[in-house]
All heavy atoms as atom14 arrays in JSON, in Angstrom:
{
  "sequence": "RKWWSRIWWLEDTDPEYINEILEYSEHA",
  "atom14_mask": [
    [1, 1, 1, 1, 1, 1, 1, 1, 1, 1, 1, 0, 0, 0],
    [1, 1, 1, 1, 1, 1, 1, 1, 1, 0, 0, 0, 0, 0],
    [1, 1, 1, 1, 1, 1, 1, 1, 1, 1, 1, 1, 1, 1],
    [1, 1, 1, 1, 1, 1, 1, 1, 1, 1, 1, 1, 1, 1],
    [1, 1, 1, 1, 1, 1, 0, 0, 0, 0, 0, 0, 0, 0],
    [1, 1, 1, 1, 1, 1, 1, 1, 1, 1, 1, 0, 0, 0],
    [1, 1, 1, 1, 1, 1, 1, 1, 0, 0, 0, 0, 0, 0],
    [1, 1, 1, 1, 1, 1, 1, 1, 1, 1, 1, 1, 1, 1],
    [1, 1, 1, 1, 1, 1, 1, 1, 1, 1, 1, 1, 1, 1],
    [1, 1, 1, 1, 1, 1, 1, 1, 0, 0, 0, 0, 0, 0],
    [1, 1, 1, 1, 1, 1, 1, 1, 1, 0, 0, 0, 0, 0],
    [1, 1, 1, 1, 1, 1, 1, 1, 0, 0, 0, 0, 0, 0],
    [1, 1, 1, 1, 1, 1, 1, 0, 0, 0, 0, 0, 0, 0],
    [1, 1, 1, 1, 1, 1, 1, 1, 0, 0, 0, 0, 0, 0],
    [1, 1, 1, 1, 1, 1, 1, 0, 0, 0, 0, 0, 0, 0],
    [1, 1, 1, 1, 1, 1, 1, 1, 1, 0, 0, 0, 0, 0],
    [1, 1, 1, 1, 1, 1, 1, 1, 1, 1, 1, 1, 0, 0],
    [1, 1, 1, 1, 1, 1, 1, 1, 0, 0, 0, 0, 0, 0],
    [1, 1, 1, 1, 1, 1, 1, 1, 0, 0, 0, 0, 0, 0],
    [1, 1, 1, 1, 1, 1, 1, 1, 1, 0, 0, 0, 0, 0],
    [1, 1, 1, 1, 1, 1, 1, 1, 0, 0, 0, 0, 0, 0],
    [1, 1, 1, 1, 1, 1, 1, 1, 0, 0, 0, 0, 0, 0],
    [1, 1, 1, 1, 1, 1, 1, 1, 1, 0, 0, 0, 0, 0],
    [1, 1, 1, 1, 1, 1, 1, 1, 1, 1, 1, 1, 0, 0],
    [1, 1, 1, 1, 1, 1, 0, 0, 0, 0, 0, 0, 0, 0],
    [1, 1, 1, 1, 1, 1, 1, 1, 1, 0, 0, 0, 0, 0],
    [1, 1, 1, 1, 1, 1, 1, 1, 1, 1, 0, 0, 0, 0],
    [1, 1, 1, 1, 1, 0, 0, 0, 0, 0, 0, 0, 0, 0]
  ],
  "atom14_positions": [
    [[103.58, 134.83, 147.79], [103.13, 134.96, 149.17], [101.62, 135.22, 149.24], [100.92, 134.66, 150.08], [103.89, 136.08, 149.87], [103.63, 136.14, 151.37], [104.53, 137.16, 152.03], [104.46, 137.09, 153.48], [105.16, 137.85, 154.28], [106.03, 138.74, 153.77], [105.05, 137.72, 155.6], [0.0, 0.0, 0.0], [0.0, 0.0, 0.0], [0.0, 0.0, 0.0]],
    [[101.11, 136.09, 148.35], [99.69, 136.42, 148.34], [98.82, 135.2, 148.07], [97.76, 135.02, 148.68], [99.42, 137.5, 147.3], [97.94, 137.84, 147.14], [97.74, 138.89, 146.06], [96.25, 139.18, 145.85], [96.03, 140.19, 144.76], [0.0, 0.0, 0.0], [0.0, 0.0, 0.0], [0.0, 0.0, 0.0], [0.0, 0.0, 0.0], [0.0, 0.0, 0.0]],
    [[99.27, 134.35, 147.14], [98.46, 133.23, 146.7], [98.82, 131.92, 147.37], [98.2, 130.88, 147.09], [98.59, 133.09, 145.17], [97.91, 134.19, 144.42], [98.44, 135.4, 144.06], [96.58, 134.18, 143.94], [97.51, 136.14, 143.39], [96.35, 135.42, 143.3], [95.53, 133.25, 143.98], [95.13, 135.75, 142.71], [94.31, 133.58, 143.4], [94.13, 134.82, 142.78]],
    [[99.8, 131.91, 148.26], [100.32, 130.67, 148.84], [99.23, 129.79, 149.45], [99.2, 128.58, 149.25], [101.39, 130.99, 149.89], [102.0, 129.78, 150.53], [101.84, 129.35, 151.82], [102.88, 128.84, 149.92], [102.58, 128.22, 152.05], [103.21, 127.87, 150.89], [103.42, 128.71, 148.63], [104.06, 126.8, 150.63], [104.26, 127.64, 148.37], [104.56, 126.69, 149.37]],
    [[98.33, 130.37, 150.2], [97.3, 129.59, 150.9], [96.29, 128.96, 149.95], [95.52, 128.09, 150.35], [96.57, 130.46, 151.93], [95.87, 131.5, 151.29], [0.0, 0.0, 0.0], [0.0, 0.0, 0.0], [0.0, 0.0, 0.0], [0.0, 0.0, 0.0], [0.0, 0.0, 0.0], [0.0, 0.0, 0.0], [0.0, 0.0, 0.0], [0.0, 0.0, 0.0]],
    [[96.3, 129.4, 148.68], [95.34, 128.87, 147.71], [95.99, 127.93, 146.7], [95.35, 127.51, 145.75], [94.63, 130.04, 147.01], [93.79, 130.87, 147.98], [93.35, 132.18, 147.42], [92.35, 132.04, 146.37], [91.76, 133.09, 145.78], [92.06, 134.33, 146.16], [90.86, 132.89, 144.83], [0.0, 0.0, 0.0], [0.0, 0.0, 0.0], [0.0, 0.0, 0.0]],
    [[97.28, 127.62, 146.93], [97.99, 126.69, 146.05], [97.93, 125.29, 146.64], [98.23, 125.07, 147.82], [99.47, 127.09, 145.86], [99.58, 128.49, 145.27], [100.17, 126.09, 144.93], [101.01, 129.01, 145.21], [0.0, 0.0, 0.0], [0.0, 0.0, 0.0], [0.0, 0.0, 0.0], [0.0, 0.0, 0.0], [0.0, 0.0, 0.0], [0.0, 0.0, 0.0]],
    [[97.54, 124.34, 145.81], [97.56, 122.92, 146.16], [98.54, 122.23, 145.23], [98.36, 122.2, 144.03], [96.16, 122.31, 146.02], [95.22, 122.8, 147.09], [94.61, 124.02, 147.14], [94.8, 122.11, 148.25], [93.84, 124.13, 148.27], [93.92, 122.96, 148.98], [95.07, 120.83, 148.77], [93.33, 122.58, 150.18], [94.48, 120.45, 149.97], [93.61, 121.32, 150.65]],
    [[99.62, 121.68, 145.81], [100.67, 121.06, 145.01], [100.37, 119.6, 144.77], [99.93, 118.88, 145.66], [102.02, 121.2, 145.74], [102.44, 122.62, 145.96], [102.25, 123.37, 147.08], [103.09, 123.46, 145.02], [102.74, 124.62, 146.9], [103.28, 124.72, 145.64], [103.56, 123.29, 143.71], [103.9, 125.79, 145.01], [104.18, 124.35, 143.07], [104.35, 125.58, 143.72]],
    [[100.62, 119.14, 143.55], [100.51, 117.71, 143.28], [101.49, 116.96, 144.16], [102.62, 117.41, 144.38], [100.79, 117.42, 141.8], [99.78, 117.95, 140.78], [100.17, 117.46, 139.38], [98.36, 117.5, 141.09], [0.0, 0.0, 0.0], [0.0, 0.0, 0.0], [0.0, 0.0, 0.0], [0.0, 0.0, 0.0], [0.0, 0.0, 0.0], [0.0, 0.0, 0.0]],
    [[101.08, 115.79, 144.64], [101.93, 115.03, 145.54], [103.24, 114.58, 144.89], [104.21, 114.29, 145.59], [101.17, 113.81, 146.08], [100.08, 114.19, 147.08], [99.37, 112.99, 147.64], [99.57, 111.87, 147.11], [98.58, 113.16, 148.61], [0.0, 0.0, 0.0], [0.0, 0.0, 0.0], [0.0, 0.0, 0.0], [0.0, 0.0, 0.0], [0.0, 0.0, 0.0]],
    [[103.27, 114.55, 143.55], [104.5, 114.18, 142.84], [105.49, 115.33, 142.72], [106.57, 115.16, 142.15], [104.17, 113.65, 141.44], [103.51, 112.28, 141.49], [103.68, 111.58, 142.51], [102.83, 111.92, 140.52], [0.0, 0.0, 0.0], [0.0, 0.0, 0.0], [0.0, 0.0, 0.0], [0.0, 0.0, 0.0], [0.0, 0.0, 0.0], [0.0, 0.0, 0.0]],
    [[105.13, 116.5, 143.23], [106.05, 117.64, 143.19], [107.35, 117.29, 143.9], [107.36, 116.66, 144.95], [105.4, 118.87, 143.84], [104.3, 119.29, 143.03], [106.4, 120.03, 143.94], [0.0, 0.0, 0.0], [0.0, 0.0, 0.0], [0.0, 0.0, 0.0], [0.0, 0.0, 0.0], [0.0, 0.0, 0.0], [0.0, 0.0, 0.0], [0.0, 0.0, 0.0]],
    [[108.46, 117.71, 143.31], [109.79, 117.44, 143.83], [109.94, 118.04, 145.24], [109.77, 119.24, 145.43], [110.82, 118.06, 142.88], [112.25, 117.79, 143.29], [112.5, 117.11, 144.29], [113.15, 118.29, 142.56], [0.0, 0.0, 0.0], [0.0, 0.0, 0.0], [0.0, 0.0, 0.0], [0.0, 0.0, 0.0], [0.0, 0.0, 0.0], [0.0, 0.0, 0.0]],
    [[110.26, 117.23, 146.26], [110.45, 117.79, 147.6], [111.5, 118.89, 147.67], [111.38, 119.84, 148.44], [110.88, 116.58, 148.43], [110.3, 115.41, 147.72], [110.37, 115.76, 146.25], [0.0, 0.0, 0.0], [0.0, 0.0, 0.0], [0.0, 0.0, 0.0], [0.0, 0.0, 0.0], [0.0, 0.0, 0.0], [0.0, 0.0, 0.0], [0.0, 0.0, 0.0]],
    [[112.55, 118.78, 146.85], [113.58, 119.81, 146.86], [113.05, 121.14, 146.31], [113.5, 122.21, 146.72], [114.81, 119.36, 146.06], [115.53, 118.16, 146.65], [116.11, 118.45, 148.03], [116.3, 119.63, 148.38], [116.36, 117.48, 148.78], [0.0, 0.0, 0.0], [0.0, 0.0, 0.0], [0.0, 0.0, 0.0], [0.0, 0.0, 0.0], [0.0, 0.0, 0.0]],
    [[112.11, 121.07, 145.39], [111.46, 122.27, 144.87], [110.68, 122.96, 145.98], [110.81, 124.17, 146.21], [110.54, 121.88, 143.71], [109.73, 123.0, 143.09], [110.13, 123.59, 141.9], [108.54, 123.44, 143.66], [109.37, 124.59, 141.3], [107.78, 124.45, 143.09], [108.2, 125.02, 141.91], [107.44, 126.02, 141.32], [0.0, 0.0, 0.0], [0.0, 0.0, 0.0]],
    [[109.85, 122.19, 146.69], [109.07, 122.76, 147.8], [109.99, 123.25, 148.91], [109.77, 124.32, 149.5], [108.06, 121.73, 148.35], [107.05, 121.32, 147.26], [107.35, 122.28, 149.57], [106.11, 122.42, 146.86], [0.0, 0.0, 0.0], [0.0, 0.0, 0.0], [0.0, 0.0, 0.0], [0.0, 0.0, 0.0], [0.0, 0.0, 0.0], [0.0, 0.0, 0.0]],
    [[111.02, 122.48, 149.21], [111.93, 122.88, 150.28], [112.6, 124.21, 149.98], [112.78, 125.03, 150.88], [112.99, 121.8, 150.48], [113.78, 122.01, 151.76], [113.21, 122.12, 152.83], [115.09, 122.09, 151.65], [0.0, 0.0, 0.0], [0.0, 0.0, 0.0], [0.0, 0.0, 0.0], [0.0, 0.0, 0.0], [0.0, 0.0, 0.0], [0.0, 0.0, 0.0]],
    [[112.96, 124.44, 148.74], [113.58, 125.72, 148.39], [112.61, 126.88, 148.62], [113.04, 127.96, 149.02], [114.05, 125.7, 146.93], [114.93, 126.89, 146.56], [115.49, 126.81, 145.17], [114.71, 126.81, 144.2], [116.72, 126.75, 145.04], [0.0, 0.0, 0.0], [0.0, 0.0, 0.0], [0.0, 0.0, 0.0], [0.0, 0.0, 0.0], [0.0, 0.0, 0.0]],
    [[111.33, 126.66, 148.39], [110.33, 127.69, 148.67], [110.21, 127.91, 150.17], [110.19, 129.05, 150.65], [108.97, 127.31, 148.06], [109.05, 127.31, 146.53], [107.88, 128.29, 148.53], [107.77, 126.87, 145.83], [0.0, 0.0, 0.0], [0.0, 0.0, 0.0], [0.0, 0.0, 0.0], [0.0, 0.0, 0.0], [0.0, 0.0, 0.0], [0.0, 0.0, 0.0]],
    [[110.15, 126.82, 150.95], [110.02, 126.94, 152.4], [111.23, 127.63, 153.02], [111.13, 128.27, 154.07], [109.81, 125.56, 153.02], [108.54, 124.8, 152.62], [108.5, 123.44, 153.3], [107.3, 125.6, 152.94], [0.0, 0.0, 0.0], [0.0, 0.0, 0.0], [0.0, 0.0, 0.0], [0.0, 0.0, 0.0], [0.0, 0.0, 0.0], [0.0, 0.0, 0.0]],
    [[112.38, 127.48, 152.39], [113.6, 128.08, 152.9], [113.8, 129.52, 152.44], [114.73, 130.19, 152.88], [114.82, 127.27, 152.43], [114.92, 125.89, 153.02], [115.16, 125.93, 154.51], [115.72, 126.91, 155.0], [114.74, 124.99, 155.2], [0.0, 0.0, 0.0], [0.0, 0.0, 0.0], [0.0, 0.0, 0.0], [0.0, 0.0, 0.0], [0.0, 0.0, 0.0]],
    [[112.92, 130.01, 151.59], [113.15, 131.31, 150.96], [113.02, 132.47, 151.94], [112.12, 132.52, 152.78], [112.18, 131.53, 149.79], [112.42, 132.87, 149.13], [113.51, 133.06, 148.29], [111.59, 133.95, 149.39], [113.77, 134.3, 147.72], [111.83, 135.19, 148.82], [112.93, 135.36, 147.99], [113.19, 136.6, 147.43], [0.0, 0.0, 0.0], [0.0, 0.0, 0.0]],
    [[113.94, 133.39, 151.82], [113.87, 134.69, 152.49], [114.55, 135.7, 151.58], [115.08, 135.34, 150.52], [114.59, 134.65, 153.85], [115.99, 134.49, 153.67], [0.0, 0.0, 0.0], [0.0, 0.0, 0.0], [0.0, 0.0, 0.0], [0.0, 0.0, 0.0], [0.0, 0.0, 0.0], [0.0, 0.0, 0.0], [0.0, 0.0, 0.0], [0.0, 0.0, 0.0]],
    [[114.55, 136.94, 151.99], [115.13, 137.98, 151.13], [116.6, 137.71, 150.82], [117.1, 138.08, 149.76], [114.98, 139.35, 151.79], [115.47, 140.51, 150.92], [115.2, 141.87, 151.52], [114.73, 141.92, 152.68], [115.45, 142.88, 150.84], [0.0, 0.0, 0.0], [0.0, 0.0, 0.0], [0.0, 0.0, 0.0], [0.0, 0.0, 0.0], [0.0, 0.0, 0.0]],
    [[117.28, 137.04, 151.74], [118.71, 136.81, 151.58], [119.04, 135.36, 151.25], [120.17, 134.92, 151.42], [119.45, 137.24, 152.85], [119.15, 138.65, 153.27], [119.54, 139.75, 152.53], [118.46, 139.13, 154.34], [119.12, 140.85, 153.13], [118.47, 140.5, 154.23], [0.0, 0.0, 0.0], [0.0, 0.0, 0.0], [0.0, 0.0, 0.0], [0.0, 0.0, 0.0]],
    [[118.06, 134.62, 150.77], [118.27, 133.21, 150.44], [119.3, 133.06, 149.33], [119.34, 133.85, 148.38], [116.95, 132.56, 150.03], [0.0, 0.0, 0.0], [0.0, 0.0, 0.0], [0.0, 0.0, 0.0], [0.0, 0.0, 0.0], [0.0, 0.0, 0.0], [0.0, 0.0, 0.0], [0.0, 0.0, 0.0], [0.0, 0.0, 0.0], [0.0, 0.0, 0.0]]
  ]
}
């Protein structure tokens, strides 16, 4: 969370990988 705004993901990154991060919460 602290570093999120400074991360640039390669465009080849798996969408399901990114989606799991976007869906994350304490009870995920």
